[in-house]
Amino acid sequence: MNIGSIIINLSTTKNHKMQDILLETNSGSLDTGLSSFQVIRKIGHSKQRIYKIITSGDQAAYALKIFPFQGGQPNFSYINEKRFSNLKHKNIISVVKTHDKQKSHHKGQSFYASYIMMELCPYGDFNSVLSRDNIFSEDPKLTRTYFHQLIEGLNFLHSNGVSHIDLKPGNLLLSSDFTLKISDFDCAYMKRDIIVLSRGTKNFRAPEIRAGTCEDTQAADIFSAGIILFVLRTNSMPYIEDQIIAGYDLFSMLMDQDSKYWLVYEDITRSNFQLEEDFKELFMSMIKQDVVERATIEDVKKNKWYNGPIYSQTELQEIMARSYLGRTTKNV
């Protein structure tokens, strides 16, 4: 496996019968009994089905996440995610409405489901950006700008006793003005919860999440944010779980904080650009195996690379519209 190419593991799940009803066509009327709207198309790669919808009343566009009932009861993922629906921050996905149980109708069939209606992020997730081009790896300032947004959103969550536990590019969305939005809270953790629900996503999860021994959920989020930072800056993974690459166990080298890792990485990936020493220091501090020694958000914000220049919101929109979409925001 070539570590030099971006490798993203999307969360998948078994198809649910009631969700499949919505997949029969790309669009169609879906009457929830609360409001009517048009299902435009399936979007996203969440564990649950997510659709772009247009409301009949104000013709506004939203994202609708469907949770079919399980055993005659609301899906546990819905119950957990609903707990976080009141979070309000510019870098957190905004929930418009939730509903626990509603008999809905589609193409003559009836079913019970819960749903979460959210703001629509029309430019997809960071997986789509990473798979299109090298826009981040070619522009450290752009990487830093979005990393700032990720850290600000994460700081808000942690300040409110919430840990995401499954941070990855696929759970980071781009809003209509190209702002980063943290999404997918179906396995998130709230302070004083008895157990940690998430086992994370391969290659982005902290080692303690993988082992099922996590006691500091905020530190686990920092680890995942560190991996995301690396992926944005290099457009490649720092390691692949359970794989030896070109004779090297890159994961173990990182956990041992082996300084030779960077020479090995550059040799394997044939990198034609040099990573900044301050960047390396920041990354290594965020993925330390010992959670006591792992960087905190306060530590991250003190790092020299982190405190480099970032783009203004206007500059960010112009760059993303030009480089990612190939057209001006006026036309999207």
Protein backbone atom coordinates (compact mmCIF):
# COMPACT_ATOMS: atom_id res chain seq x y z
CA MET A 1 0.00 0.00 0.00
CA ASN A 2 1.36 3.39 -0.98
CA ILE A 3 1.31 5.71 2.01
CA GLY A 4 2.00 8.59 -0.35
CA SER A 5 -1.57 8.49 -1.61
CA ILE A 6 -4.39 9.71 0.59
CA ILE A 7 -6.18 6.85 2.30
CA ILE A 8 -9.48 7.65 3.93
CA ASN A 9 -11.67 5.02 5.57
CA LEU A 10 -15.31 5.97 5.22
CA SER A 11 -17.74 4.70 7.83
CA THR A 12 -20.15 2.18 6.37
CA THR A 13 -23.09 0.34 7.77
CA LYS A 14 -25.61 -2.23 6.67
CA ASN A 15 -28.50 -0.90 4.64
CA HIS A 16 -31.72 -0.43 6.54
CA LYS A 17 -35.00 -1.36 4.89
CA MET A 18 -36.69 1.94 5.62
CA GLN A 19 -33.67 3.87 4.43
CA ASP A 20 -33.73 1.93 1.19
CA ILE A 21 -37.21 3.24 0.54
CA LEU A 22 -35.64 6.65 0.11
CA LEU A 23 -32.98 5.30 -2.21
CA GLU A 24 -35.36 4.01 -4.86
CA THR A 25 -35.23 7.34 -6.66
CA ASN A 26 -32.95 10.35 -6.47
CA SER A 27 -35.87 12.56 -5.61
CA GLY A 28 -39.48 12.34 -4.54
CA SER A 29 -41.97 13.66 -2.03
CA LEU A 30 -41.45 12.55 1.53
CA ASP A 31 -44.21 13.51 3.95
CA THR A 32 -43.07 13.38 7.58
CA GLY A 33 -46.40 14.45 8.95
CA LEU A 34 -44.73 17.52 10.44
CA SER A 35 -43.75 19.27 7.23
CA SER A 36 -43.44 18.31 3.61
CA PHE A 37 -40.29 18.57 1.60
CA GLN A 38 -38.69 17.28 -1.56
CA VAL A 39 -35.87 14.76 -1.31
CA ILE A 40 -33.32 15.98 -3.84
CA ARG A 41 -30.54 13.42 -3.51
CA LYS A 42 -28.50 11.36 -1.11
CA ILE A 43 -25.42 13.17 0.21
CA GLY A 44 -22.58 12.36 2.58
CA HIS A 45 -21.09 9.12 3.82
CA SER A 46 -22.33 8.96 7.40
CA LYS A 47 -23.33 5.74 9.13
CA GLN A 48 -26.89 6.94 8.56
CA ARG A 49 -28.43 8.10 5.30
CA ILE A 50 -28.29 11.86 4.73
CA TYR A 51 -30.29 13.68 2.09
CA LYS A 52 -30.46 17.13 0.65
CA ILE A 53 -34.04 18.35 0.99
CA ILE A 54 -36.00 21.42 -0.04
CA THR A 55 -38.84 22.50 2.23
CA SER A 56 -42.20 23.13 0.61
CA GLY A 57 -42.92 26.30 2.56
CA ASP A 58 -39.87 28.55 2.28
CA GLN A 59 -38.03 26.50 -0.37
CA ALA A 60 -34.97 26.42 1.87
CA ALA A 61 -32.33 23.70 1.48
CA TYR A 62 -31.28 21.52 4.43
CA ALA A 63 -29.60 18.22 5.17
CA LEU A 64 -31.84 15.50 6.63
CA LYS A 65 -30.32 12.62 8.56
CA ILE A 66 -32.65 9.62 8.79
CA PHE A 67 -32.57 7.13 11.70
CA PRO A 68 -34.96 4.21 11.03
CA PHE A 69 -36.44 2.64 14.16
CA GLN A 70 -34.72 -0.45 15.55
CA GLY A 71 -36.86 -3.02 17.31
CA GLY A 72 -39.78 -0.63 17.35
CA GLN A 73 -37.75 2.01 19.20
CA PRO A 74 -35.73 5.09 18.20
CA ASN A 75 -32.25 4.25 17.00
CA PHE A 76 -29.67 4.60 19.80
CA SER A 77 -27.41 6.63 17.51
CA TYR A 78 -30.22 9.16 17.16
CA ILE A 79 -30.78 9.29 20.91
CA ASN A 80 -27.11 10.01 21.49
CA GLU A 81 -26.70 12.55 18.69
CA LYS A 82 -29.81 14.46 19.73
CA ARG A 83 -28.08 15.29 23.03
CA PHE A 84 -25.69 17.55 21.12
CA SER A 85 -28.25 19.31 18.94
CA ASN A 86 -28.12 22.52 20.98
CA LEU A 87 -24.42 23.14 20.38
CA LYS A 88 -24.00 26.53 18.74
CA HIS A 89 -20.64 27.54 17.29
CA LYS A 90 -19.45 28.73 13.89
CA ASN A 91 -17.35 25.59 13.46
CA ILE A 92 -20.00 23.09 14.61
CA ILE A 93 -22.79 21.85 12.34
CA SER A 94 -26.04 23.62 13.22
CA VAL A 95 -29.11 21.50 13.95
CA VAL A 96 -32.41 23.05 12.89
CA LYS A 97 -34.86 20.45 14.15
CA THR A 98 -35.04 16.95 15.62
CA HIS A 99 -37.99 14.60 15.87
CA ASP A 100 -38.07 11.36 17.84
CA LYS A 101 -40.86 9.42 16.21
CA GLN A 102 -42.84 10.16 13.13
CA LYS A 103 -44.84 7.98 10.80
CA SER A 104 -43.67 8.94 7.36
CA HIS A 105 -44.81 8.04 3.87
CA HIS A 106 -42.92 7.52 0.67
CA LYS A 107 -44.16 5.94 -2.55
CA GLY A 108 -47.11 4.37 -0.80
CA GLN A 109 -45.10 2.83 2.02
CA SER A 110 -45.17 3.84 5.67
CA PHE A 111 -42.45 3.60 8.27
CA TYR A 112 -41.36 5.05 11.60
CA ALA A 113 -38.13 6.95 11.87
CA SER A 114 -36.42 9.74 13.76
CA TYR A 115 -34.67 12.52 11.95
CA ILE A 116 -32.28 15.38 12.44
CA MET A 117 -32.54 18.38 10.13
CA MET A 118 -29.28 20.31 9.82
CA GLU A 119 -27.78 23.19 7.93
CA LEU A 120 -26.71 22.14 4.46
CA CYS A 121 -22.98 22.17 3.73
CA PRO A 122 -23.06 22.22 -0.07
CA TYR A 123 -19.35 21.65 -0.67
CA GLY A 124 -19.19 18.26 1.02
CA ASP A 125 -16.49 17.06 3.37
CA PHE A 126 -12.73 17.35 3.43
CA ASN A 127 -12.35 13.91 1.86
CA SER A 128 -13.69 15.35 -1.37
CA VAL A 129 -11.21 18.22 -1.25
CA LEU A 130 -8.27 15.94 -0.52
CA SER A 131 -9.20 13.58 -3.34
CA ARG A 132 -9.45 16.40 -5.91
CA ASP A 133 -6.07 18.08 -5.66
CA ASN A 134 -3.15 19.10 -3.46
CA ILE A 135 -4.63 22.45 -2.48
CA PHE A 136 -3.68 22.09 1.20
CA SER A 137 -0.24 20.52 0.84
CA GLU A 138 0.71 23.24 -1.65
CA ASP A 139 -0.40 26.03 0.68
CA PRO A 140 0.64 25.72 4.35
CA LYS A 141 -1.23 28.94 5.10
CA LEU A 142 -4.47 27.35 3.90
CA THR A 143 -3.82 24.25 6.00
CA ARG A 144 -3.16 26.46 9.02
CA THR A 145 -6.34 28.46 8.41
CA TYR A 146 -8.54 25.38 8.48
CA PHE A 147 -6.60 23.84 11.34
CA HIS A 148 -7.37 26.98 13.35
CA GLN A 149 -11.07 26.44 12.63
CA LEU A 150 -10.84 22.80 13.69
CA ILE A 151 -9.11 23.75 16.95
CA GLU A 152 -11.65 26.52 17.65
CA GLY A 153 -14.53 24.10 17.18
CA LEU A 154 -12.79 21.48 19.29
CA ASN A 155 -12.05 24.01 22.02
CA PHE A 156 -15.75 24.91 22.14
CA LEU A 157 -16.74 21.24 22.44
CA HIS A 158 -14.23 20.50 25.18
CA SER A 159 -15.19 23.66 27.08
CA ASN A 160 -18.74 22.30 27.15
CA GLY A 161 -17.74 18.83 28.33
CA VAL A 162 -18.15 17.25 24.89
CA SER A 163 -15.65 15.04 23.07
CA HIS A 164 -16.24 14.02 19.47
CA ILE A 165 -14.17 10.79 19.54
CA ASP A 166 -14.35 10.23 15.76
CA LEU A 167 -12.64 13.22 14.17
CA LYS A 168 -11.57 12.61 10.58
CA PRO A 169 -11.76 14.48 7.25
CA GLY A 170 -15.07 12.80 6.44
CA ASN A 171 -16.66 14.39 9.52
CA LEU A 172 -15.46 17.89 8.64
CA LEU A 173 -17.82 19.69 6.28
CA LEU A 174 -17.55 22.85 4.18
CA SER A 175 -20.41 25.30 4.59
CA SER A 176 -21.74 27.67 1.92
CA ASP A 177 -19.02 30.20 2.78
CA PHE A 178 -16.31 27.51 3.01
CA THR A 179 -16.21 27.46 6.80
CA LEU A 180 -15.19 24.19 8.47
CA LYS A 181 -18.01 22.49 10.38
CA ILE A 182 -17.49 19.53 12.72
CA SER A 183 -20.32 17.03 12.19
CA ASP A 184 -21.54 13.52 13.10
CA PHE A 185 -22.06 13.34 16.86
CA ASP A 186 -23.80 9.95 16.96
CA CYS A 187 -20.96 8.43 18.99
CA ALA A 188 -19.83 11.58 20.80
CA TYR A 189 -19.10 11.60 24.52
CA MET A 190 -20.47 13.93 27.17
CA LYS A 191 -18.73 14.52 30.48
CA ARG A 192 -19.81 11.98 33.10
CA ASP A 193 -21.02 9.45 30.51
CA ILE A 194 -20.36 5.96 31.80
CA ILE A 195 -18.80 4.53 28.64
CA VAL A 196 -17.07 5.71 25.47
CA LEU A 197 -19.26 4.56 22.59
CA SER A 198 -16.92 5.14 19.67
CA ARG A 199 -14.05 2.93 18.57
CA GLY A 200 -13.02 5.69 16.20
CA THR A 201 -11.93 5.31 12.60
CA LYS A 202 -8.89 3.32 11.56
CA ASN A 203 -5.77 5.44 11.06
CA PHE A 204 -7.33 8.51 12.75
CA ARG A 205 -8.14 7.12 16.20
CA ALA A 206 -5.97 7.44 19.28
CA PRO A 207 -4.29 4.20 20.40
CA GLU A 208 -6.31 4.19 23.63
CA ILE A 209 -9.56 4.40 21.64
CA ARG A 210 -8.43 1.50 19.50
CA ALA A 211 -7.58 -0.52 22.61
CA GLY A 212 -10.83 0.38 24.38
CA THR A 213 -8.94 1.84 27.34
CA CYS A 214 -9.64 5.56 26.88
CA GLU A 215 -9.96 7.57 30.08
CA ASP A 216 -9.24 11.05 28.68
CA THR A 217 -11.59 11.63 25.75
CA GLN A 218 -10.34 15.16 25.11
CA ALA A 219 -6.79 13.87 24.69
CA ALA A 220 -8.15 11.31 22.20
CA ASP A 221 -9.63 14.16 20.15
CA ILE A 222 -6.27 15.94 20.16
CA PHE A 223 -4.61 12.83 18.72
CA SER A 224 -7.15 12.63 15.89
CA ALA A 225 -6.79 16.35 15.20
CA GLY A 226 -3.04 15.80 14.91
CA ILE A 227 -3.54 13.12 12.27
CA ILE A 228 -5.93 15.40 10.37
CA LEU A 229 -3.32 18.17 10.49
CA PHE A 230 -0.73 15.82 8.98
CA VAL A 231 -3.12 14.69 6.24
CA LEU A 232 -3.99 18.25 5.27
CA ARG A 233 -0.36 19.37 5.23
CA THR A 234 0.99 16.39 3.26
CA ASN A 235 -2.03 14.85 1.48
CA SER A 236 -0.91 11.47 2.82
CA MET A 237 -1.28 9.36 5.94
CA PRO A 238 1.52 9.35 8.55
CA TYR A 239 1.08 5.57 8.94
CA ILE A 240 -1.33 2.76 8.14
CA GLU A 241 -2.60 0.73 11.09
CA ASP A 242 -1.23 -2.82 11.29
CA GLN A 243 0.91 -2.45 8.17
CA ILE A 244 4.62 -2.40 7.57
CA ILE A 245 5.48 0.14 4.85
CA ALA A 246 8.73 -0.41 2.93
CA GLY A 247 10.01 -2.43 5.86
CA TYR A 248 9.14 0.16 8.49
CA ASP A 249 6.57 0.17 11.28
CA LEU A 250 5.74 3.85 11.01
CA PHE A 251 3.14 3.77 13.76
CA SER A 252 5.63 2.38 16.30
CA MET A 253 8.22 4.92 15.22
CA LEU A 254 5.77 7.73 15.92
CA MET A 255 4.68 6.27 19.24
CA ASP A 256 8.35 6.05 20.21
CA GLN A 257 8.85 9.65 19.02
CA ASP A 258 11.69 8.37 16.83
CA SER A 259 13.36 11.34 15.13
CA LYS A 260 14.34 9.09 12.19
CA TYR A 261 10.66 8.88 11.27
CA TRP A 262 10.87 12.02 9.13
CA LEU A 263 13.77 10.74 7.02
CA VAL A 264 11.94 7.46 6.51
CA TYR A 265 8.69 9.21 5.64
CA GLU A 266 10.36 11.50 3.11
CA ASP A 267 12.13 8.53 1.51
CA ILE A 268 8.93 6.44 1.27
CA THR A 269 6.77 9.23 -0.11
CA ARG A 270 9.45 10.78 -2.32
CA SER A 271 8.35 14.13 -0.91
CA ASN A 272 9.38 17.12 -2.99
CA PHE A 273 8.68 19.64 -0.24
CA GLN A 274 10.16 20.17 3.20
CA LEU A 275 7.99 20.14 6.28
CA GLU A 276 8.66 22.96 8.71
CA GLU A 277 10.39 22.00 11.96
CA ASP A 278 7.72 23.84 13.95
CA PHE A 279 5.08 21.80 12.14
CA LYS A 280 6.87 18.56 12.99
CA GLU A 281 7.10 19.62 16.64
CA LEU A 282 3.38 20.40 16.75
CA PHE A 283 2.36 17.13 15.10
CA MET A 284 4.58 14.98 17.31
CA SER A 285 3.29 16.71 20.45
CA MET A 286 -0.32 15.96 19.48
CA ILE A 287 0.14 12.24 18.83
CA LYS A 288 2.18 11.22 21.87
CA GLN A 289 1.18 7.81 23.13
CA ASP A 290 1.22 8.93 26.77
CA VAL A 291 -1.94 11.03 27.15
CA VAL A 292 -0.40 12.87 30.10
CA GLU A 293 2.38 14.14 27.85
CA ARG A 294 0.14 14.73 24.83
CA ALA A 295 -0.41 18.38 23.89
CA THR A 296 -3.51 20.17 25.09
CA ILE A 297 -5.40 22.75 23.08
CA GLU A 298 -3.57 25.44 25.06
CA ASP A 299 -0.25 23.86 24.07
CA VAL A 300 -1.31 23.72 20.42
CA LYS A 301 -2.16 27.42 20.44
CA LYS A 302 1.32 28.27 21.76
CA ASN A 303 3.12 26.48 18.93
CA LYS A 304 5.10 28.68 16.53
CA TRP A 305 3.73 27.02 13.38
CA TYR A 306 0.16 27.40 14.64
CA ASN A 307 0.74 31.10 15.19
CA GLY A 308 1.84 31.71 11.62
CA PRO A 309 -0.29 33.71 9.15
CA ILE A 310 -3.82 32.63 8.21
CA TYR A 311 -6.27 33.80 5.55
CA SER A 312 -9.15 36.15 6.24
CA GLN A 313 -12.64 34.80 5.57
CA THR A 314 -12.83 36.80 2.34
CA GLU A 315 -9.47 35.48 1.16
CA LEU A 316 -10.47 31.95 2.14
CA GLN A 317 -13.66 32.10 0.09
CA GLU A 318 -11.80 33.41 -2.96
CA ILE A 319 -9.11 30.74 -2.74
CA MET A 320 -11.53 27.86 -2.22
CA ALA A 321 -13.89 29.06 -4.95
CA ARG A 322 -11.05 29.46 -7.43
CA SER A 323 -8.96 26.41 -6.58
CA TYR A 324 -11.56 23.91 -5.42
CA LEU A 325 -14.57 24.80 -7.56
CA GLY A 326 -12.84 26.47 -10.47
CA ARG A 327 -15.43 29.23 -10.49
CA THR A 328 -16.46 32.17 -8.36
CA THR A 329 -18.71 31.76 -5.35
CA LYS A 330 -21.26 33.90 -7.18
CA ASN A 331 -21.97 31.01 -9.54
CA VAL A 332 -22.21 28.08 -7.10
